[in-house]
Amino acid sequence: MAIFKAKQATKDGRKWYFSVCYQTAYGERGRKKSGLYATKQEAQEAERQFLREKTYDRVDITFEEMYHQYLEYADEYIKGSTKYCKQNRVKNHILTYFGKMNIHTITVTTVIEWKSKINKCTYNDDRKYMVSYKQTLFKELRTALKYGVDFCGLKENVAGKVMNFRDRNERVIADEDKIRYITPTEYNLFASVIGDLLFKVFFAFLYYMGVRKGEAQALNWEDIDFEKSQVRIIKTITNKTDELNEHGIRLKITNTKNRKNRTIKIPPILKNMLLELYQYYLDYEGFNDDWFVFGGNRHLPSTIIDSKKEFYFKLVEQTYGKAINRITNHEFRHSHASYLISKGVKAELIAYRLGDTVGVVLEIYAHLFPEAQDEVIETLDLIETDYNIVQGIKKEFLKSLLA
């Protein structure tokens, strides 16, 4: 959909219009720019109606033009950070190949040749892309071409005739390799070398609360209830956006992932650390509860978090003469979940605390639930017992018939 917003609205508030290229069934080509509509939805429906009335056979545009129309169409359905990631993937791996092509000239052979090029692509010291990433690229291509079938007169989605990426030589990842985490002992070693109060509390928050990095960055002091020892997680910060904030930084505060808002308890050790940090901020002029918990009047940048984390991991090795697992910021979350599992906390409670579904928790951490495996075996034993009982009843019944 090519829907646009006018620079100036009419007196009654109409500001949306469509502009679209079309070709009629008789080969007539043209471009239609509509009048103004009150809502984006009205403009979209008007465009669909216009194209239906023109009984167009096809729209001769390039893949890149079609893709931008698709983004306009999908804008109201996908989250801003998701759209940003989609655009980057398509820009780097799909538009470079298909961008200038007329959409009607893309064939099965074209898609196969593109797959061959993607299989040869490398990054960071000649490492090849994981098959899962390549499959995501293929899905992006297939989705864009489906839009072409629905709205641009493509006769068929040729990507649907091609098999998705497969890598028969890809290593099968063992369960224990799927996630990485640090033990409480390793975390205490890591925490012991942090002298800066801000970062000591930040990494403690990731470890003790299991939140995502962006959720911690987005926290304001008003989100923490010291009296009830709890914190509400209702937003996240992302730099996966083209929007700039008042400081000229690429940044956007948005809903939590999957809109899983929750209010979770703070353990005493972390509560005391947060109170100390709060007391530290009270000395700053203009401080109020709207300030970020981590960073003050500006949030704590991801680049600084990453560099500090690596510095402290190196410092552990220098201080104690031994290295511990160098986990990512997200893997503090895995460490939190792994510890709760080891203490027998139920999957439902862990899922709520993490802001995930029970299914996601069981999928990611299945190998850490030994009791769940035992329950499966016990259940299967019951099935076998029931089967034997039924068979015994049948035998007795048959005997009675033969008697």
Protein backbone atom coordinates (compact mmCIF):
# COMPACT_ATOMS: atom_id res chain seq x y z
CA MET A 1 0.00 0.00 0.00
CA ALA A 2 1.32 3.46 -0.94
CA ILE A 3 -0.39 5.55 1.73
CA PHE A 4 0.95 8.99 2.64
CA LYS A 5 0.24 11.78 5.10
CA ALA A 6 -0.19 15.31 3.75
CA LYS A 7 1.98 18.07 5.20
CA GLN A 8 -1.13 20.03 6.10
CA ALA A 9 -4.54 18.65 7.01
CA THR A 10 -7.85 20.12 5.87
CA LYS A 11 -10.01 22.09 8.31
CA ASP A 12 -12.05 18.98 9.06
CA GLY A 13 -8.92 16.92 9.80
CA ARG A 14 -8.46 14.96 6.56
CA LYS A 15 -4.77 14.31 5.85
CA TRP A 16 -4.29 10.78 4.39
CA TYR A 17 -4.08 9.97 0.68
CA PHE A 18 -2.90 7.19 -1.62
CA SER A 19 -0.65 7.37 -4.67
CA VAL A 20 -0.35 4.26 -6.80
CA CYS A 21 0.84 3.13 -10.22
CA TYR A 22 -1.57 0.89 -12.10
CA GLN A 23 -2.15 -0.86 -15.40
CA THR A 24 -5.60 -1.75 -16.65
CA ALA A 25 -6.61 -4.95 -18.34
CA TYR A 26 -6.35 -3.02 -21.64
CA GLY A 27 -2.69 -2.11 -21.06
CA GLU A 28 -3.34 1.49 -20.05
CA ARG A 29 -0.81 2.77 -17.55
CA GLY A 30 -1.14 5.61 -15.12
CA ARG A 31 -0.68 6.94 -11.63
CA LYS A 32 -3.50 7.89 -9.33
CA LYS A 33 -3.14 10.40 -6.49
CA SER A 34 -6.29 10.51 -4.42
CA GLY A 35 -7.96 13.22 -2.40
CA LEU A 36 -7.59 13.39 1.35
CA TYR A 37 -9.20 11.03 3.85
CA ALA A 38 -9.74 11.33 7.58
CA THR A 39 -7.90 8.11 8.55
CA LYS A 40 -5.17 5.92 7.15
CA GLN A 41 -7.60 2.98 7.06
CA GLU A 42 -10.03 4.94 4.87
CA ALA A 43 -7.22 5.79 2.43
CA GLN A 44 -6.16 2.12 2.28
CA GLU A 45 -9.70 0.96 1.56
CA ALA A 46 -10.12 3.66 -1.08
CA GLU A 47 -6.93 2.50 -2.79
CA ARG A 48 -8.12 -1.11 -2.81
CA GLN A 49 -11.46 -0.04 -4.27
CA PHE A 50 -9.75 2.07 -6.94
CA LEU A 51 -7.54 -0.84 -8.05
CA ARG A 52 -10.52 -3.21 -8.13
CA GLU A 53 -12.43 -0.79 -10.36
CA LYS A 54 -9.46 -0.46 -12.71
CA THR A 55 -9.40 -4.29 -13.02
CA TYR A 56 -5.63 -4.10 -13.30
CA ASP A 57 -3.65 -7.06 -14.60
CA ARG A 58 -0.31 -6.11 -13.13
CA VAL A 59 1.73 -3.27 -11.71
CA ASP A 60 5.12 -2.81 -13.34
CA ILE A 61 7.38 -1.77 -10.52
CA THR A 62 10.74 -2.85 -9.16
CA PHE A 63 11.09 -5.16 -6.19
CA GLU A 64 12.41 -2.26 -4.12
CA GLU A 65 9.37 -0.10 -4.92
CA MET A 66 7.06 -2.97 -4.08
CA TYR A 67 8.89 -3.63 -0.82
CA HIS A 68 8.47 -0.03 0.34
CA GLN A 69 4.76 -0.29 -0.44
CA TYR A 70 4.66 -3.50 1.60
CA LEU A 71 6.28 -1.73 4.58
CA GLU A 72 3.62 0.99 4.42
CA TYR A 73 0.96 -1.71 4.38
CA ALA A 74 2.51 -3.63 7.30
CA ASP A 75 3.29 -0.55 9.38
CA GLU A 76 0.23 -0.85 11.61
CA TYR A 77 0.75 -4.57 12.20
CA ILE A 78 4.41 -4.82 13.24
CA LYS A 79 6.39 -3.29 16.09
CA GLY A 80 8.84 -0.49 15.30
CA SER A 81 11.96 -2.42 16.37
CA THR A 82 10.78 -5.47 14.39
CA LYS A 83 10.28 -3.30 11.31
CA TYR A 84 13.77 -1.84 11.76
CA CYS A 85 15.34 -5.33 11.86
CA LYS A 86 13.32 -6.45 8.84
CA GLN A 87 14.46 -3.43 6.85
CA ASN A 88 18.12 -4.03 7.69
CA ARG A 89 17.98 -7.70 6.74
CA VAL A 90 16.22 -6.96 3.47
CA LYS A 91 18.45 -4.00 2.63
CA ASN A 92 21.68 -5.97 3.14
CA HIS A 93 20.73 -9.33 1.67
CA ILE A 94 17.67 -9.03 -0.57
CA LEU A 95 17.46 -5.54 -2.09
CA THR A 96 21.11 -5.74 -3.18
CA TYR A 97 20.09 -8.64 -5.44
CA PHE A 98 16.41 -8.17 -6.32
CA GLY A 99 16.05 -4.41 -5.77
CA LYS A 100 16.23 -3.15 -9.38
CA MET A 101 14.41 -6.12 -10.90
CA ASN A 102 10.89 -5.78 -12.26
CA ILE A 103 8.87 -7.99 -9.94
CA HIS A 104 7.38 -9.87 -12.91
CA THR A 105 10.83 -10.98 -14.11
CA ILE A 106 11.69 -12.79 -10.85
CA THR A 107 11.59 -16.53 -11.47
CA VAL A 108 12.32 -19.75 -9.61
CA THR A 109 15.79 -19.72 -11.16
CA THR A 110 16.37 -16.17 -9.88
CA VAL A 111 15.51 -17.24 -6.33
CA ILE A 112 17.77 -20.31 -6.54
CA GLU A 113 20.68 -18.15 -7.74
CA TRP A 114 20.06 -15.74 -4.85
CA LYS A 115 20.13 -18.65 -2.39
CA SER A 116 23.48 -19.72 -3.79
CA LYS A 117 24.93 -16.24 -3.19
CA ILE A 118 23.57 -16.12 0.36
CA ASN A 119 25.17 -19.50 1.10
CA LYS A 120 28.53 -17.98 0.18
CA CYS A 121 28.07 -14.80 2.26
CA THR A 122 30.36 -14.38 5.26
CA TYR A 123 30.80 -11.94 8.13
CA ASN A 124 33.23 -11.39 11.01
CA ASP A 125 36.39 -13.30 10.04
CA ASP A 126 34.76 -15.23 7.22
CA ARG A 127 32.13 -16.95 9.36
CA LYS A 128 29.09 -18.10 7.40
CA TYR A 129 25.55 -17.25 8.44
CA MET A 130 23.64 -19.73 10.58
CA VAL A 131 21.00 -21.66 8.68
CA SER A 132 18.32 -20.17 10.97
CA TYR A 133 19.32 -16.64 9.87
CA LYS A 134 19.23 -17.64 6.20
CA GLN A 135 15.79 -19.15 6.70
CA THR A 136 14.65 -15.82 8.15
CA LEU A 137 15.90 -14.07 5.01
CA PHE A 138 14.00 -16.53 2.86
CA LYS A 139 10.85 -15.88 4.86
CA GLU A 140 11.28 -12.11 4.30
CA LEU A 141 11.54 -12.67 0.54
CA ARG A 142 8.52 -14.97 0.47
CA THR A 143 6.42 -12.50 2.50
CA ALA A 144 7.31 -9.59 0.20
CA LEU A 145 6.43 -11.60 -2.91
CA LYS A 146 3.13 -12.65 -1.34
CA TYR A 147 2.28 -8.95 -1.08
CA GLY A 148 3.09 -8.73 -4.80
CA VAL A 149 0.60 -11.50 -5.53
CA ASP A 150 -2.10 -9.86 -3.40
CA PHE A 151 -1.70 -6.27 -4.59
CA CYS A 152 0.63 -5.96 -7.59
CA GLY A 153 -0.67 -8.53 -10.03
CA LEU A 154 2.04 -11.17 -9.62
CA LYS A 155 0.71 -14.43 -11.02
CA GLU A 156 2.40 -16.56 -8.36
CA ASN A 157 4.83 -16.46 -5.45
CA VAL A 158 7.85 -18.13 -7.04
CA ALA A 159 9.63 -18.33 -3.66
CA GLY A 160 6.93 -20.75 -2.58
CA LYS A 161 8.18 -23.22 -5.20
CA VAL A 162 11.72 -23.19 -3.83
CA MET A 163 12.85 -25.16 -0.79
CA ASN A 164 14.03 -23.11 2.18
CA PHE A 165 17.67 -23.14 3.25
CA ARG A 166 18.96 -26.39 4.70
CA ASP A 167 22.46 -27.23 5.90
CA ARG A 168 23.05 -30.94 6.19
CA ASN A 169 26.57 -30.35 7.49
CA GLU A 170 25.50 -28.02 10.27
CA ARG A 171 26.53 -29.29 13.69
CA VAL A 172 23.75 -30.60 15.87
CA ILE A 173 23.85 -28.49 19.02
CA ALA A 174 23.72 -30.44 22.26
CA ASP A 175 21.18 -29.39 24.86
CA GLU A 176 23.84 -28.10 27.23
CA ASP A 177 25.23 -25.85 24.46
CA LYS A 178 21.93 -24.14 23.73
CA ILE A 179 22.27 -21.61 26.53
CA ARG A 180 25.15 -20.32 28.61
CA TYR A 181 24.94 -19.11 32.17
CA ILE A 182 27.10 -18.45 35.22
CA THR A 183 26.66 -20.05 38.62
CA PRO A 184 26.13 -18.03 41.82
CA THR A 185 29.80 -18.56 42.69
CA GLU A 186 30.90 -17.21 39.30
CA TYR A 187 28.52 -14.27 39.60
CA ASN A 188 29.91 -13.38 43.04
CA LEU A 189 33.43 -13.37 41.59
CA PHE A 190 32.23 -11.07 38.80
CA ALA A 191 30.43 -8.72 41.20
CA SER A 192 33.40 -8.56 43.58
CA VAL A 193 35.60 -6.71 41.08
CA ILE A 194 33.04 -3.99 40.25
CA GLY A 195 33.93 -0.79 42.08
CA ASP A 196 31.47 1.53 40.34
CA LEU A 197 28.15 1.60 42.25
CA LEU A 198 26.06 2.22 39.12
CA PHE A 199 27.38 -0.84 37.28
CA LYS A 200 27.44 -3.00 40.41
CA VAL A 201 23.70 -2.39 40.79
CA PHE A 202 22.97 -2.67 37.05
CA PHE A 203 24.51 -6.13 36.61
CA ALA A 204 23.03 -7.24 39.95
CA PHE A 205 19.61 -6.19 38.60
CA LEU A 206 20.09 -8.32 35.47
CA TYR A 207 21.19 -11.31 37.54
CA TYR A 208 18.69 -11.14 40.41
CA MET A 209 15.65 -10.05 38.37
CA GLY A 210 16.12 -11.89 35.06
CA VAL A 211 14.98 -8.90 33.00
CA ARG A 212 16.14 -8.06 29.51
CA LYS A 213 18.82 -5.40 29.14
CA GLY A 214 16.44 -2.95 27.42
CA GLU A 215 13.90 -3.40 30.22
CA ALA A 216 16.52 -2.48 32.82
CA GLN A 217 17.69 0.52 30.77
CA ALA A 218 14.12 1.84 30.52
CA LEU A 219 13.40 1.71 34.27
CA ASN A 220 12.49 4.93 36.04
CA TRP A 221 12.57 5.32 39.82
CA GLU A 222 8.77 5.62 39.80
CA ASP A 223 8.66 1.99 38.62
CA ILE A 224 10.17 0.78 41.92
CA ASP A 225 8.04 0.38 45.03
CA PHE A 226 10.48 0.09 47.94
CA GLU A 227 7.68 -0.31 50.48
CA LYS A 228 6.33 -3.45 48.76
CA SER A 229 9.80 -4.55 47.54
CA GLN A 230 8.66 -4.84 43.93
CA VAL A 231 9.30 -3.35 40.50
CA ARG A 232 7.00 -3.02 37.49
CA ILE A 233 8.39 -3.96 34.08
CA ILE A 234 6.22 -2.16 31.51
CA LYS A 235 8.60 -0.82 28.85
CA THR A 236 11.90 -1.36 27.10
CA ILE A 237 14.51 0.72 25.28
CA THR A 238 15.67 -0.15 21.79
CA ASN A 239 18.15 1.43 19.39
CA LYS A 240 16.67 -0.59 16.52
CA THR A 241 14.92 2.44 15.13
CA ASP A 242 15.53 5.36 12.80
CA GLU A 243 14.03 7.80 15.32
CA LEU A 244 16.36 10.19 17.18
CA ASN A 245 15.66 11.46 20.70
CA GLU A 246 16.23 15.00 21.97
CA HIS A 247 19.95 14.26 22.39
CA GLY A 248 20.31 13.11 18.77
CA ILE A 249 20.64 9.46 19.83
CA ARG A 250 18.94 6.64 17.94
CA LEU A 251 16.55 5.50 20.64
CA LYS A 252 12.96 4.52 21.25
CA ILE A 253 11.06 3.52 24.38
CA THR A 254 8.40 0.97 23.53
CA ASN A 255 6.32 -1.89 24.96
CA THR A 256 8.00 -4.91 26.50
CA LYS A 257 8.54 -7.92 24.24
CA ASN A 258 5.20 -9.56 23.47
CA ARG A 259 3.67 -6.84 25.71
CA LYS A 260 4.31 -9.06 28.73
CA ASN A 261 4.06 -6.43 31.47
CA ARG A 262 4.59 -7.69 35.00
CA THR A 263 5.26 -6.62 38.58
CA ILE A 264 7.94 -8.74 40.25
CA LYS A 265 9.48 -8.94 43.71
CA ILE A 266 12.95 -7.61 44.55
CA PRO A 267 15.18 -9.76 46.80
CA PRO A 268 16.50 -7.99 49.94
CA ILE A 269 20.12 -7.91 48.78
CA LEU A 270 19.18 -6.08 45.58
CA LYS A 271 16.71 -3.80 47.36
CA ASN A 272 19.49 -2.54 49.64
CA MET A 273 21.72 -1.88 46.63
CA LEU A 274 18.94 0.05 44.88
CA LEU A 275 18.34 2.13 48.01
CA GLU A 276 22.05 2.98 48.08
CA LEU A 277 21.92 4.04 44.43
CA TYR A 278 18.78 6.11 45.10
CA GLN A 279 20.52 7.87 47.98
CA TYR A 280 23.44 8.59 45.63
CA TYR A 281 21.13 10.30 43.10
CA LEU A 282 19.49 12.47 45.79
CA ASP A 283 22.61 14.64 45.80
CA TYR A 284 22.05 15.59 42.14
CA GLU A 285 20.29 18.86 41.40
CA GLY A 286 16.92 18.37 39.74
CA PHE A 287 16.68 14.68 40.64
CA ASN A 288 13.15 13.23 40.60
CA ASP A 289 11.45 9.86 40.20
CA ASP A 290 11.20 10.35 36.42
CA TRP A 291 14.97 9.87 36.16
CA PHE A 292 16.30 6.59 34.83
CA VAL A 293 17.36 4.14 37.53
CA PHE A 294 20.48 3.41 35.53
CA GLY A 295 21.96 6.60 34.11
CA GLY A 296 20.08 9.47 35.76
CA ASN A 297 18.51 12.05 33.46
CA ARG A 298 19.75 10.00 30.46
CA HIS A 299 19.61 6.23 30.12
CA LEU A 300 22.73 4.09 30.37
CA PRO A 301 23.98 3.46 26.77
CA SER A 302 24.39 -0.11 25.51
CA THR A 303 27.92 0.53 24.24
CA ILE A 304 29.12 1.51 27.72
CA ILE A 305 27.34 -1.47 29.29
CA ASP A 306 29.05 -3.85 26.86
CA SER A 307 32.53 -2.38 27.33
CA LYS A 308 32.21 -2.37 31.13
CA LYS A 309 31.02 -5.97 31.17
CA GLU A 310 34.02 -7.15 29.17
CA PHE A 311 36.36 -5.11 31.37
CA TYR A 312 35.02 -6.73 34.53
CA PHE A 313 35.29 -10.24 33.09
CA LYS A 314 38.94 -9.57 32.27
CA LEU A 315 39.45 -8.12 35.74
CA VAL A 316 38.14 -11.33 37.34
CA GLU A 317 40.82 -13.33 35.54
CA GLN A 318 43.54 -10.83 36.49
CA THR A 319 42.41 -10.70 40.13
CA TYR A 320 41.78 -14.38 40.85
CA GLY A 321 43.96 -16.05 38.22
CA LYS A 322 41.01 -17.91 36.75
CA ALA A 323 38.50 -17.10 34.02
CA ILE A 324 34.75 -17.51 34.27
CA ASN A 325 32.24 -17.86 31.45
CA ARG A 326 32.08 -14.59 29.52
CA ILE A 327 28.35 -14.39 29.06
CA THR A 328 26.36 -11.79 27.13
CA ASN A 329 24.04 -9.30 28.82
CA HIS A 330 21.08 -11.50 27.86
CA GLU A 331 22.73 -14.51 29.44
CA PHE A 332 22.47 -12.91 32.88
CA ARG A 333 18.78 -13.61 32.27
CA HIS A 334 19.59 -17.26 31.51
CA SER A 335 21.67 -17.40 34.70
CA HIS A 336 18.73 -16.11 36.72
CA ALA A 337 16.35 -18.67 35.22
CA SER A 338 18.85 -21.51 35.65
CA TYR A 339 19.29 -20.71 39.34
CA LEU A 340 15.52 -20.65 39.93
CA ILE A 341 15.16 -24.00 38.18
CA SER A 342 17.92 -25.50 40.33
CA LYS A 343 15.94 -24.43 43.40
CA GLY A 344 12.77 -26.15 42.20
CA VAL A 345 10.77 -23.06 41.25
CA LYS A 346 7.84 -23.97 38.98
CA ALA A 347 8.00 -23.13 35.29
CA GLU A 348 4.80 -21.04 35.52
CA LEU A 349 6.36 -18.71 38.13
CA ILE A 350 9.61 -18.42 36.19
CA ALA A 351 7.69 -17.60 33.01
CA TYR A 352 5.82 -14.76 34.71
CA ARG A 353 9.00 -13.35 36.23
CA LEU A 354 10.81 -13.42 32.87
CA GLY A 355 7.85 -12.10 30.88
CA ASP A 356 7.74 -15.25 28.74
CA THR A 357 5.22 -18.01 28.18
CA VAL A 358 5.53 -21.36 29.95
CA GLY A 359 6.10 -22.95 26.54
CA VAL A 360 9.09 -20.71 25.81
CA VAL A 361 10.60 -21.40 29.24
CA LEU A 362 10.25 -25.17 28.83
CA GLU A 363 11.68 -25.03 25.31
CA ILE A 364 14.75 -22.97 26.26
CA TYR A 365 15.50 -24.59 29.62
CA ALA A 366 14.08 -28.10 29.12
CA HIS A 367 17.38 -29.84 29.86
CA LEU A 368 17.60 -28.02 33.22
CA PHE A 369 14.33 -29.55 34.46
CA PRO A 370 15.46 -33.06 35.52
CA GLU A 371 12.31 -33.56 37.60
CA ALA A 372 10.22 -32.94 34.48
CA GLN A 373 12.05 -35.77 32.72
CA ASP A 374 11.32 -38.03 35.70
CA GLU A 375 7.66 -37.08 35.57
CA VAL A 376 7.57 -38.07 31.88
CA ILE A 377 8.98 -41.52 32.68
CA GLU A 378 6.59 -41.96 35.61
CA THR A 379 3.68 -41.04 33.33
CA LEU A 380 4.83 -43.51 30.70
CA ASP A 381 5.14 -46.19 33.42
CA LEU A 382 1.52 -45.54 34.37
CA ILE A 383 0.50 -45.99 30.74
CA GLU A 384 2.32 -49.34 30.67
CA THR A 385 0.69 -50.37 33.97
CA ASP A 386 -2.78 -49.46 32.67
CA TYR A 387 -2.08 -51.42 29.48
CA ASN A 388 -1.07 -54.54 31.43
CA ILE A 389 -4.18 -54.29 33.62
CA VAL A 390 -6.39 -54.08 30.53
CA GLN A 391 -4.61 -57.03 28.95
CA GLY A 392 -5.13 -59.04 32.15
CA ILE A 393 -8.84 -58.27 32.12
CA LYS A 394 -9.06 -59.37 28.48
CA LYS A 395 -7.37 -62.68 29.26
CA GLU A 396 -9.75 -63.37 32.13
CA PHE A 397 -12.69 -62.50 29.90
CA LEU A 398 -11.50 -64.84 27.16
CA LYS A 399 -11.01 -67.61 29.67
CA SER A 400 -14.60 -67.20 30.86
CA LEU A 401 -15.84 -67.50 27.30
CA LEU A 402 -13.89 -70.72 26.71
CA ALA A 403 -14.94 -72.29 29.99
